[in-house]
C-alpha atoms as a PDB file:
ATOM      1  CA  MET A   1     -99.001 -34.729 -12.443  1.00  0.00           C
ATOM      2  CA  GLU A   2     -98.291 -32.374 -15.660  1.00  0.00           C
ATOM      3  CA  ALA A   3    -100.196 -29.041 -15.298  1.00  0.00           C
ATOM      4  CA  GLY A   4    -103.274 -28.929 -17.313  1.00  0.00           C
ATOM      5  CA  ARG A   5    -104.015 -32.621 -17.418  1.00  0.00           C
ATOM      6  CA  PRO A   6    -107.593 -33.311 -17.300  1.00  0.00           C
ATOM      7  CA  LEU A   7    -107.807 -35.307 -14.106  1.00  0.00           C
ATOM      8  CA  ASP A   8    -110.474 -38.227 -15.509  1.00  0.00           C
ATOM      9  CA  PRO A   9    -109.869 -41.492 -14.141  1.00  0.00           C
ATOM     10  CA  GLN A  10    -112.631 -43.200 -15.944  1.00  0.00           C
ATOM     11  CA  ASN A  11    -112.248 -45.231 -18.855  1.00  0.00           C
ATOM     12  CA  HIS A  12    -108.622 -46.122 -18.254  1.00  0.00           C
ATOM     13  CA  SER A  13    -107.081 -49.367 -17.458  1.00  0.00           C
ATOM     14  CA  PHE A  14    -103.833 -50.499 -16.436  1.00  0.00           C
ATOM     15  CA  SER A  15    -102.022 -53.903 -16.540  1.00  0.00           C
ATOM     16  CA  THR A  16     -99.991 -52.711 -13.617  1.00  0.00           C
ATOM     17  CA  PRO A  17    -100.876 -50.137 -11.102  1.00  0.00           C
ATOM     18  CA  PRO A  18     -99.660 -46.477 -12.296  1.00  0.00           C
ATOM     19  CA  SER A  19     -96.857 -44.833 -10.287  1.00  0.00           C
ATOM     20  CA  LEU A  20     -98.780 -42.349  -8.173  1.00  0.00           C
ATOM     21  CA  PRO A  21     -97.626 -40.090  -5.255  1.00  0.00           C
ATOM     22  CA  ARG A  22     -97.741 -41.053  -1.965  1.00  0.00           C
ATOM     23  CA  VAL A  23     -99.595 -38.635   0.298  1.00  0.00           C
ATOM     24  CA  ALA A  24     -99.492 -38.593   4.161  1.00  0.00           C
ATOM     25  CA  ALA A  25    -102.876 -38.791   5.926  1.00  0.00           C
ATOM     26  CA  PRO A  26    -104.078 -35.725   7.420  1.00  0.00           C
ATOM     27  CA  THR A  27    -104.234 -37.526  10.736  1.00  0.00           C
ATOM     28  CA  PRO A  28    -102.001 -40.393  12.107  1.00  0.00           C
ATOM     29  CA  SER A  29    -103.129 -44.121  11.176  1.00  0.00           C
ATOM     30  CA  PRO A  30    -104.475 -46.043  14.110  1.00  0.00           C
ATOM     31  CA  LEU A  31    -102.227 -48.933  15.450  1.00  0.00           C
ATOM     32  CA  GLU A  32    -103.181 -52.363  13.862  1.00  0.00           C
ATOM     33  CA  LYS A  33    -101.217 -55.484  15.197  1.00  0.00           C
ATOM     34  CA  GLY A  34     -98.886 -53.254  16.634  1.00  0.00           C
ATOM     35  CA  LYS A  35     -97.720 -51.657  13.332  1.00  0.00           C
ATOM     36  CA  LEU A  36     -98.589 -48.219  11.849  1.00  0.00           C
ATOM     37  CA  GLN A  37    -100.712 -48.303   8.780  1.00  0.00           C
ATOM     38  CA  PRO A  38     -98.642 -46.746   5.552  1.00  0.00           C
ATOM     39  CA  PRO A  39    -100.002 -43.840   4.052  1.00  0.00           C
ATOM     40  CA  PRO A  40    -102.678 -44.424   1.343  1.00  0.00           C
ATOM     41  CA  LEU A  41    -101.962 -44.916  -2.258  1.00  0.00           C
ATOM     42  CA  MET A  42    -103.910 -42.111  -3.875  1.00  0.00           C
ATOM     43  CA  ASP A  43    -105.465 -42.794  -7.220  1.00  0.00           C
ATOM     44  CA  SER A  44    -106.326 -39.942  -9.791  1.00  0.00           C
ATOM     45  CA  HIS A  45    -109.924 -39.410  -8.082  1.00  0.00           C
ATOM     46  CA  ASN A  46    -108.282 -39.016  -4.326  1.00  0.00           C
ATOM     47  CA  LEU A  47    -105.331 -37.020  -5.697  1.00  0.00           C
ATOM     48  CA  TYR A  48    -107.735 -34.643  -7.335  1.00  0.00           C
ATOM     49  CA  LYS A  49    -109.909 -34.273  -4.159  1.00  0.00           C
ATOM     50  CA  HIS A  50    -106.640 -33.583  -2.367  1.00  0.00           C
ATOM     51  CA  ARG A  51    -105.632 -31.074  -4.742  1.00  0.00           C
ATOM     52  CA  PHE A  52    -108.849 -29.295  -4.553  1.00  0.00           C
ATOM     53  CA  ASN A  53    -109.059 -29.678  -0.626  1.00  0.00           C
ATOM     54  CA  HIS A  54    -112.670 -31.403  -1.085  1.00  0.00           C
ATOM     55  CA  GLN A  55    -114.185 -27.966  -2.242  1.00  0.00           C
ATOM     56  CA  LEU A  56    -115.858 -29.437  -5.530  1.00  0.00           C
ATOM     57  CA  PRO A  57    -118.185 -32.393  -5.962  1.00  0.00           C
ATOM     58  CA  HIS A  58    -116.642 -35.506  -6.555  1.00  0.00           C
ATOM     59  CA  ASP A  59    -118.136 -35.988  -9.832  1.00  0.00           C
ATOM     60  CA  ARG A  60    -117.008 -32.707 -11.234  1.00  0.00           C
ATOM     61  CA  ARG A  61    -114.085 -32.996 -14.037  1.00  0.00           C
ATOM     62  CA  ALA A  62    -111.118 -30.381 -13.797  1.00  0.00           C
ATOM     63  CA  ALA A  63    -107.796 -29.792 -14.768  1.00  0.00           C
ATOM     64  CA  ALA A  64    -106.089 -28.431 -11.763  1.00  0.00           C
ATOM     65  CA  PHE A  65    -103.279 -25.714 -11.494  1.00  0.00           C
ATOM     66  CA  PHE A  66    -101.231 -24.517  -8.530  1.00  0.00           C
ATOM     67  CA  GLU A  67    -101.309 -20.818  -8.004  1.00  0.00           C
ATOM     68  CA  ASP A  68     -97.802 -20.454  -8.903  1.00  0.00           C
ATOM     69  CA  GLU A  69     -98.151 -22.327 -12.102  1.00  0.00           C
ATOM     70  CA  ILE A  70    -101.060 -19.819 -13.286  1.00  0.00           C
ATOM     71  CA  GLN A  71     -98.585 -16.862 -12.330  1.00  0.00           C
ATOM     72  CA  THR A  72     -96.104 -18.744 -14.486  1.00  0.00           C
ATOM     73  CA  LEU A  73     -98.489 -19.119 -17.332  1.00  0.00           C
ATOM     74  CA  ALA A  74     -99.517 -15.490 -17.091  1.00  0.00           C
ATOM     75  CA  GLN A  75     -96.166 -13.794 -17.119  1.00  0.00           C
ATOM     76  CA  SER A  76     -95.833 -13.592 -20.796  1.00  0.00           C
ATOM     77  CA  PHE A  77     -99.140 -11.371 -20.503  1.00  0.00           C
ATOM     78  CA  LYS A  78     -97.665  -9.103 -17.903  1.00  0.00           C
ATOM     79  CA  THR A  79     -97.838  -6.020 -20.255  1.00  0.00           C
ATOM     80  CA  SER A  80    -100.925  -7.055 -22.101  1.00  0.00           C
ATOM     81  CA  LEU A  81    -104.161  -4.679 -22.376  1.00  0.00           C
ATOM     82  CA  VAL A  82    -107.922  -5.039 -23.287  1.00  0.00           C
ATOM     83  CA  GLY A  83    -109.283  -2.922 -25.461  1.00  0.00           C
ATOM     84  CA  LYS A  84    -113.232  -2.699 -25.182  1.00  0.00           C
ATOM     85  CA  PHE A  85    -115.657  -1.414 -27.886  1.00  0.00           C
ATOM     86  CA  SER A  86    -119.441  -0.577 -27.593  1.00  0.00           C
ATOM     87  CA  TRP A  87    -119.389  -1.084 -31.565  1.00  0.00           C
ATOM     88  CA  MET A  88    -116.118  -2.669 -32.716  1.00  0.00           C
ATOM     89  CA  PRO A  89    -114.338  -1.377 -35.939  1.00  0.00           C
ATOM     90  CA  LYS A  90    -113.081  -4.129 -38.303  1.00  0.00           C
ATOM     91  CA  LEU A  91    -110.026  -5.868 -36.982  1.00  0.00           C
ATOM     92  CA  GLN A  92    -108.100  -4.496 -39.918  1.00  0.00           C
ATOM     93  CA  GLU A  93    -109.066  -1.099 -39.016  1.00  0.00           C
ATOM     94  CA  VAL A  94    -107.801  -1.561 -35.523  1.00  0.00           C
ATOM     95  CA  LYS A  95    -104.591  -2.917 -36.324  1.00  0.00           C
ATOM     96  CA  TYR A  96    -104.049  -0.041 -38.983  1.00  0.00           C
ATOM     97  CA  ALA A  97    -104.802   2.662 -36.149  1.00  0.00           C
ATOM     98  CA  PHE A  98    -102.133   1.108 -33.818  1.00  0.00           C
ATOM     99  CA  LYS A  99     -99.352   1.741 -36.541  1.00  0.00           C
ATOM    100  CA  GLY A 100     -99.905   5.317 -36.528  1.00  0.00           C
ATOM    101  CA  ILE A 101     -98.835   5.964 -32.730  1.00  0.00           C
ATOM    102  CA  GLY A 102     -95.455   5.056 -33.048  1.00  0.00           C
ATOM    103  CA  LEU A 103     -95.083   2.495 -30.462  1.00  0.00           C
ATOM    104  CA  ALA A 104     -91.365   1.694 -29.847  1.00  0.00           C
ATOM    105  CA  GLY A 105     -91.425  -2.065 -29.650  1.00  0.00           C
ATOM    106  CA  ALA A 106     -93.071  -4.962 -30.898  1.00  0.00           C
ATOM    107  CA  TYR A 107     -96.668  -5.492 -30.195  1.00  0.00           C
ATOM    108  CA  GLU A 108     -99.670  -7.789 -31.342  1.00  0.00           C
ATOM    109  CA  VAL A 109    -103.472  -6.842 -31.513  1.00  0.00           C
ATOM    110  CA  ARG A 110    -105.750 -10.020 -31.528  1.00  0.00           C
ATOM    111  CA  TRP A 111    -109.452 -10.375 -31.636  1.00  0.00           C
ATOM    112  CA  LEU A 112    -111.176 -11.695 -28.637  1.00  0.00           C
ATOM    113  CA  ASP A 113    -114.806 -11.311 -29.351  1.00  0.00           C
ATOM    114  CA  TYR A 114    -117.262  -8.841 -30.841  1.00  0.00           C
ATOM    115  CA  LYS A 115    -116.379  -6.144 -28.407  1.00  0.00           C
ATOM    116  CA  HIS A 116    -112.836  -6.975 -27.105  1.00  0.00           C
ATOM    117  CA  VAL A 117    -109.384  -6.790 -28.315  1.00  0.00           C
ATOM    118  CA  LEU A 118    -106.100  -8.052 -26.505  1.00  0.00           C
ATOM    119  CA  ILE A 119    -103.312  -5.832 -26.956  1.00  0.00           C
ATOM    120  CA  HIS A 120     -99.931  -7.553 -26.312  1.00  0.00           C
ATOM    121  CA  LEU A 121     -97.203  -5.150 -25.689  1.00  0.00           C
ATOM    122  CA  SER A 122     -93.664  -5.826 -25.565  1.00  0.00           C
ATOM    123  CA  ASP A 123     -92.496  -3.194 -22.909  1.00  0.00           C
ATOM    124  CA  GLU A 124     -93.942  -1.243 -20.028  1.00  0.00           C
ATOM    125  CA  GLN A 125     -93.315   1.886 -21.787  1.00  0.00           C
ATOM    126  CA  ASN A 126     -95.811   1.052 -24.345  1.00  0.00           C
ATOM    127  CA  PHE A 127     -98.229  -0.491 -21.592  1.00  0.00           C
ATOM    128  CA  ASN A 128     -98.228   2.620 -19.579  1.00  0.00           C
ATOM    129  CA  ARG A 129     -98.749   4.977 -22.375  1.00  0.00           C
ATOM    130  CA  ILE A 130    -101.807   2.832 -23.809  1.00  0.00           C
ATOM    131  CA  TRP A 131    -103.390   2.318 -20.510  1.00  0.00           C
ATOM    132  CA  THR A 132    -103.248   5.656 -18.899  1.00  0.00           C
ATOM    133  CA  LYS A 133    -104.834   7.277 -21.651  1.00  0.00           C
ATOM    134  CA  GLN A 134    -107.902   4.750 -20.877  1.00  0.00           C
ATOM    135  CA  ASN A 135    -109.805   6.246 -23.778  1.00  0.00           C
ATOM    136  CA  TRP A 136    -109.110   6.138 -27.313  1.00  0.00           C
ATOM    137  CA  PHE A 137    -110.958   6.863 -30.566  1.00  0.00           C
ATOM    138  CA  ILE A 138    -110.497   4.480 -33.748  1.00  0.00           C
ATOM    139  CA  ALA A 139    -112.591   4.727 -36.710  1.00  0.00           C
ATOM    140  CA  ASN A 140    -115.021   7.065 -34.707  1.00  0.00           C
ATOM    141  CA  GLN A 141    -115.531   4.530 -32.078  1.00  0.00           C
ATOM    142  CA  LYS A 142    -114.263   4.576 -28.578  1.00  0.00           C
ATOM    143  CA  MET A 143    -111.979   1.970 -27.247  1.00  0.00           C
ATOM    144  CA  ARG A 144    -111.842   1.889 -23.268  1.00  0.00           C
ATOM    145  CA  VAL A 145    -108.753  -0.053 -22.062  1.00  0.00           C
ATOM    146  CA  PHE A 146    -108.006  -2.280 -19.282  1.00  0.00           C
ATOM    147  CA  LYS A 147    -105.286  -4.080 -17.744  1.00  0.00           C
ATOM    148  CA  TRP A 148    -105.557  -7.819 -18.538  1.00  0.00           C
ATOM    149  CA  THR A 149    -105.143 -10.318 -15.566  1.00  0.00           C
ATOM    150  CA  PRO A 150    -105.786 -14.150 -15.380  1.00  0.00           C
ATOM    151  CA  GLU A 151    -109.044 -13.437 -13.793  1.00  0.00           C
ATOM    152  CA  PHE A 152    -110.321 -11.496 -17.071  1.00  0.00           C
ATOM    153  CA  GLU A 153    -113.870 -12.112 -17.822  1.00  0.00           C
ATOM    154  CA  PRO A 154    -115.447 -10.286 -21.015  1.00  0.00           C
ATOM    155  CA  GLU A 155    -118.626  -9.365 -19.168  1.00  0.00           C
ATOM    156  CA  LYS A 156    -116.846  -7.783 -15.959  1.00  0.00           C
ATOM    157  CA  GLU A 157    -114.486  -4.546 -16.331  1.00  0.00           C
ATOM    158  CA  SER A 158    -111.366  -4.803 -14.348  1.00  0.00           C
ATOM    159  CA  VAL A 159    -111.204  -2.883 -11.166  1.00  0.00           C
ATOM    160  CA  VAL A 160    -107.723  -1.967 -11.289  1.00  0.00           C
ATOM    161  CA  VAL A 161    -107.049   1.353 -12.715  1.00  0.00           C
ATOM    162  CA  PRO A 162    -104.151   3.833 -13.058  1.00  0.00           C
ATOM    163  CA  ILE A 163    -104.592   6.529 -11.060  1.00  0.00           C
ATOM    164  CA  TRP A 164    -102.461   9.887 -10.288  1.00  0.00           C
ATOM    165  CA  ILE A 165    -101.448  10.332  -6.493  1.00  0.00           C
ATOM    166  CA  SER A 166     -99.526  13.099  -4.977  1.00  0.00           C
ATOM    167  CA  PHE A 167     -97.706  13.695  -2.114  1.00  0.00           C
ATOM    168  CA  PRO A 168     -97.700  17.560  -0.956  1.00  0.00           C
ATOM    169  CA  ASN A 169     -94.877  18.865   0.816  1.00  0.00           C
ATOM    170  CA  LEU A 170     -92.888  16.092   0.163  1.00  0.00           C
ATOM    171  CA  LYS A 171     -89.399  16.662   1.910  1.00  0.00           C
ATOM    172  CA  ALA A 172     -86.580  17.742  -0.721  1.00  0.00           C
ATOM    173  CA  HIS A 173     -84.226  14.645   0.071  1.00  0.00           C
ATOM    174  CA  LEU A 174     -86.891  12.312  -1.069  1.00  0.00           C
ATOM    175  CA  PHE A 175     -87.490  13.345  -4.753  1.00  0.00           C
ATOM    176  CA  GLU A 176     -85.004  10.929  -5.871  1.00  0.00           C
ATOM    177  CA  LYS A 177     -87.033   8.259  -8.228  1.00  0.00           C
ATOM    178  CA  SER A 178     -86.132   5.049  -6.328  1.00  0.00           C
ATOM    179  CA  THR A 179     -87.193   6.376  -3.231  1.00  0.00           C
ATOM    180  CA  LEU A 180     -90.303   8.031  -4.474  1.00  0.00           C
ATOM    181  CA  LEU A 181     -91.232   4.735  -6.112  1.00  0.00           C
ATOM    182  CA  LEU A 182     -90.791   3.055  -2.711  1.00  0.00           C
ATOM    183  CA  ILE A 183     -92.896   5.464  -0.779  1.00  0.00           C
ATOM    184  CA  ALA A 184     -95.615   4.940  -3.578  1.00  0.00           C
ATOM    185  CA  LYS A 185     -95.327   1.362  -3.388  1.00  0.00           C
ATOM    186  CA  THR A 186     -97.362   1.850   0.035  1.00  0.00           C
ATOM    187  CA  VAL A 187    -100.228   2.940  -1.872  1.00  0.00           C
ATOM    188  CA  GLY A 188    -100.330   0.932  -4.936  1.00  0.00           C
ATOM    189  CA  LYS A 189     -97.946  -0.643  -7.569  1.00  0.00           C
ATOM    190  CA  PRO A 190     -96.170   2.323  -9.198  1.00  0.00           C
ATOM    191  CA  LEU A 191     -95.976   3.006 -12.752  1.00  0.00           C
ATOM    192  CA  PHE A 192     -94.154   6.080 -13.417  1.00  0.00           C
ATOM    193  CA  LEU A 193     -93.470   9.694 -12.368  1.00  0.00           C
ATOM    194  CA  ASP A 194     -94.611  12.843 -14.183  1.00  0.00           C
ATOM    195  CA  GLU A 195     -91.978  14.993 -15.674  1.00  0.00           C
ATOM    196  CA  ALA A 196     -91.828  17.749 -13.067  1.00  0.00           C
ATOM    197  CA  THR A 197     -91.371  15.106 -10.296  1.00  0.00           C
ATOM    198  CA  THR A 198     -88.396  13.300 -12.620  1.00  0.00           C
ATOM    199  CA  ASN A 199     -86.655  16.443 -13.176  1.00  0.00           C
ATOM    200  CA  GLY A 200     -86.965  18.215  -9.616  1.00  0.00           C
ATOM    201  CA  SER A 201     -88.541  21.336 -11.056  1.00  0.00           C
ATOM    202  CA  ARG A 202     -91.582  21.539  -8.708  1.00  0.00           C
ATOM    203  CA  PRO A 203     -90.151  20.663  -5.217  1.00  0.00           C
ATOM    204  CA  SER A 204     -93.840  21.535  -3.494  1.00  0.00           C
ATOM    205  CA  VAL A 205     -95.338  18.334  -4.626  1.00  0.00           C
ATOM    206  CA  ALA A 206     -94.557  14.590  -5.989  1.00  0.00           C
ATOM    207  CA  HIS A 207     -96.889  12.954  -8.688  1.00  0.00           C
ATOM    208  CA  VAL A 208     -96.609   9.234  -9.063  1.00  0.00           C
ATOM    209  CA  CYS A 209     -98.979   6.984 -11.404  1.00  0.00           C
ATOM    210  CA  VAL A 210     -99.910   3.822  -9.551  1.00  0.00           C
ATOM    211  CA  GLU A 211    -102.072   0.948 -10.016  1.00  0.00           C
ATOM    212  CA  TYR A 212    -105.291   0.936  -7.759  1.00  0.00           C
ATOM    213  CA  ASP A 213    -108.406  -1.047  -7.119  1.00  0.00           C
ATOM    214  CA  CYS A 214    -111.101   1.605  -7.458  1.00  0.00           C
ATOM    215  CA  ARG A 215    -113.340  -0.050  -5.252  1.00  0.00           C
ATOM    216  CA  LYS A 216    -111.183   0.406  -2.403  1.00  0.00           C
ATOM    217  CA  ARG A 217    -110.899   3.528   0.064  1.00  0.00           C
ATOM    218  CA  MET A 218    -108.498   6.096  -0.929  1.00  0.00           C
ATOM    219  CA  VAL A 219    -105.502   5.991   1.179  1.00  0.00           C
ATOM    220  CA  GLU A 220    -105.372   9.501   2.793  1.00  0.00           C
ATOM    221  CA  GLN A 221    -101.526   9.194   4.560  1.00  0.00           C
ATOM    222  CA  VAL A 222     -98.666   6.892   4.751  1.00  0.00           C
ATOM    223  CA  TRP A 223     -95.779   6.846   7.416  1.00  0.00           C
ATOM    224  CA  ILE A 224     -92.227   7.793   6.586  1.00  0.00           C
ATOM    225  CA  VAL A 225     -90.054   6.252   9.578  1.00  0.00           C
ATOM    226  CA  VAL A 226     -86.585   6.118  10.048  1.00  0.00           C
ATOM    227  CA  GLN A 227     -84.952   2.537  11.517  1.00  0.00           C
ATOM    228  CA  ASN A 228     -81.640   1.741  13.080  1.00  0.00           C
ATOM    229  CA  ARG A 229     -79.870  -0.329  10.463  1.00  0.00           C
ATOM    230  CA  GLU A 230     -78.478  -2.910  13.209  1.00  0.00           C
ATOM    231  CA  THR A 231     -81.602  -3.223  15.305  1.00  0.00           C
ATOM    232  CA  SER A 232     -84.481  -2.165  12.904  1.00  0.00           C
ATOM    233  CA  ALA A 233     -85.825  -0.305  15.909  1.00  0.00           C
ATOM    234  CA  VAL A 234     -87.936   2.910  14.632  1.00  0.00           C
ATOM    235  CA  MET A 235     -85.974   5.775  15.724  1.00  0.00           C
ATOM    236  CA  ASN A 236     -88.540   8.639  14.311  1.00  0.00           C
ATOM    237  CA  GLY A 237     -90.971   9.065  11.593  1.00  0.00           C
ATOM    238  CA  TYR A 238     -93.837  11.227  10.447  1.00  0.00           C
ATOM    239  CA  SER A 239     -97.134  11.286   8.711  1.00  0.00           C
ATOM    240  CA  GLN A 240     -97.009  12.056   4.729  1.00  0.00           C
ATOM    241  CA  LYS A 241    -100.274  13.191   3.109  1.00  0.00           C
ATOM    242  CA  VAL A 242    -101.339  11.616  -0.085  1.00  0.00           C
ATOM    243  CA  GLU A 243    -103.860  12.866  -2.452  1.00  0.00           C
ATOM    244  CA  PHE A 244    -105.640  11.204  -5.223  1.00  0.00           C
ATOM    245  CA  ALA A 245    -106.897  12.450  -8.484  1.00  0.00           C
ATOM    246  CA  HIS A 246    -110.485  11.514  -9.618  1.00  0.00           C
ATOM    247  CA  MET A 247    -111.435   7.887  -8.749  1.00  0.00           C
ATOM    248  CA  PRO A 248    -113.747   6.214 -11.286  1.00  0.00           C
ATOM    249  CA  ALA A 249    -116.541   4.563  -9.445  1.00  0.00           C
ATOM    250  CA  TYR A 250    -117.331   0.936  -9.909  1.00  0.00           C
ATOM    251  CA  CYS A 251    -120.575  -0.754  -9.829  1.00  0.00           C
ATOM    252  CA  ASP A 252    -120.705  -4.173  -8.111  1.00  0.00           C
ATOM    253  CA  HIS A 253    -123.699  -5.214 -10.008  1.00  0.00           C
ATOM    254  CA  CYS A 254    -123.057  -4.852 -13.885  1.00  0.00           C
ATOM    255  CA  CYS A 255    -119.311  -4.934 -13.040  1.00  0.00           C
ATOM    256  CA  HIS A 256    -118.419  -1.668 -14.936  1.00  0.00           C
ATOM    257  CA  VAL A 257    -116.387   1.354 -14.461  1.00  0.00           C
ATOM    258  CA  GLY A 258    -117.820   4.525 -14.400  1.00  0.00           C
ATOM    259  CA  HIS A 259    -120.853   4.310 -12.274  1.00  0.00           C
ATOM    260  CA  LYS A 260    -122.042   3.138  -8.917  1.00  0.00           C
ATOM    261  CA  LYS A 261    -124.916   0.826  -7.903  1.00  0.00           C
ATOM    262  CA  VAL A 262    -127.409   3.372  -7.202  1.00  0.00           C
ATOM    263  CA  GLU A 263    -126.849   4.659 -10.817  1.00  0.00           C
ATOM    264  CA  CYS A 264    -126.906   1.249 -12.452  1.00  0.00           C
ATOM    265  CA  ILE A 265    -129.215   1.385 -15.413  1.00  0.00           C
ATOM    266  CA  VAL A 266    -129.513  -2.095 -15.353  1.00  0.00           C
ATOM    267  CA  LEU A 267    -131.182  -1.947 -11.880  1.00  0.00           C
ATOM    268  CA  GLY A 268    -133.629   0.489 -13.315  1.00  0.00           C
ATOM    269  CA  ASN A 269    -131.920   3.763 -11.509  1.00  0.00           C
ATOM    270  CA  LYS A 270    -131.815   7.113 -13.338  1.00  0.00           C
ATOM    271  CA  VAL A 271    -128.043   8.148 -13.838  1.00  0.00           C
ATOM    272  CA  LYS A 272    -127.572  11.553 -12.212  1.00  0.00           C
ATOM    273  CA  PRO A 273    -126.435  14.428 -14.400  1.00  0.00           C
ATOM    274  CA  SER A 274    -122.714  14.876 -14.012  1.00  0.00           C
ATOM    275  CA  GLY A 275    -122.761  18.592 -14.114  1.00  0.00           C
ATOM    276  CA  SER A 276    -119.581  20.639 -14.149  1.00  0.00           C
ATOM    277  CA  SER A 277    -117.129  19.297 -11.540  1.00  0.00           C
ATOM    278  CA  LYS A 278    -113.756  21.282 -10.575  1.00  0.00           C
ATOM    279  CA  LEU A 279    -110.686  19.493 -11.294  1.00  0.00           C
ATOM    280  CA  GLN A 280    -108.171  18.740  -8.630  1.00  0.00           C
ATOM    281  CA  PRO A 281    -104.825  20.554  -9.102  1.00  0.00           C
ATOM    282  CA  ILE A 282    -103.190  17.185  -9.648  1.00  0.00           C
ATOM    283  CA  ARG A 283    -104.908  17.043 -13.185  1.00  0.00           C
ATOM    284  CA  GLU A 284    -101.852  19.334 -14.230  1.00  0.00           C
ATOM    285  CA  ALA A 285     -99.833  16.019 -13.601  1.00  0.00           C
ATOM    286  CA  GLU A 286    -101.822  14.198 -16.006  1.00  0.00           C
ATOM    287  CA  LYS A 287    -101.745  16.464 -18.738  1.00  0.00           C
ATOM    288  CA  ALA A 288     -97.909  16.694 -18.506  1.00  0.00           C
ATOM    289  CA  ALA A 289     -97.534  13.016 -18.707  1.00  0.00           C
ATOM    290  CA  ASP A 290    -100.026  12.907 -21.536  1.00  0.00           C
ATOM    291  CA  TYR A 291    -102.795  11.301 -19.704  1.00  0.00           C
ATOM    292  CA  GLY A 292    -106.507  11.446 -20.165  1.00  0.00           C
ATOM    293  CA  GLY A 293    -107.565  10.022 -23.465  1.00  0.00           C
ATOM    294  CA  GLY A 294    -106.614  10.313 -27.038  1.00  0.00           C
ATOM    295  CA  SER A 295    -107.114   9.488 -30.537  1.00  0.00           C
ATOM    296  CA  PHE A 296    -104.676   7.824 -33.082  1.00  0.00           C
ATOM    297  CA  LYS A 297    -102.947   9.880 -35.636  1.00  0.00           C
ATOM    298  CA  ASN A 298    -103.423   7.893 -38.802  1.00  0.00           C
ATOM    299  CA  PRO A 299    -106.671   8.617 -40.541  1.00  0.00           C
ATOM    300  CA  ILE A 300    -108.807   5.252 -40.730  1.00  0.00           C
ATOM    301  CA  PRO A 301    -109.566   4.627 -44.463  1.00  0.00           C
ATOM    302  CA  PRO A 302    -113.406   4.339 -45.156  1.00  0.00           C
ATOM    303  CA  LEU A 303    -115.093   0.865 -45.226  1.00  0.00           C
ATOM    304  CA  ILE A 304    -115.443  -0.433 -48.795  1.00  0.00           C
END
């Protein structure tokens, strides 16, 4: 069966039975006259039920995909982002603004709906640059940036955010890039290192930007162990402290980043004043890596 073909057994007639796969029954067939019954020949309807594991009503029409098929289809969008506006400028203004930031590779900005644009980028460097800033301003309108995933829905903001983590007092021999990325991978998908970590000019702490689900509890420590290469037995190890930069809140009710459920105005709750909060030392790494919001260099022409 081809991926994406509607499974609709109705209104089809065949002069001869179609060639359909034979699928073994989940339990052995009973003996009849001393012979095992052959596995049933599944028509389109039964094949649909088999593929969905009987989780949907039989009268629902569906196009069925396997998980690996979805991953293959989404591969070309792995460096794509979604820009969200409260009040979106004209698409021409958004495209013109992107010309002013000097992206190295090819890119394309596409209209999704009245609040969202799809930012299709060709390389990870541009992807990291746009995503980690989080907030951009185009024609005096703020554009918030989220990672695109196959599960993207316009009314639900992504829970995956770029976040800076640090490894204080990391041993000097572990500052090699591939080693740091391996350690950071125990926390989240690593994106890049800050400049001071890359060149080793600040051996007291290492900073890495990673992808992280902002609903999850922040990891406080990871274990670094030494194994025997032949037996894989752990020879020794120790705990390495992990520190996070400010983690954005997520509301499970309205599915928005930036506040908790107890502060959700959709539920009629009052927003607590933010006040002045102390920035963690890791904020220096965000500045060094040009993180934390920006605007496009080229001015946007006034609307005519």
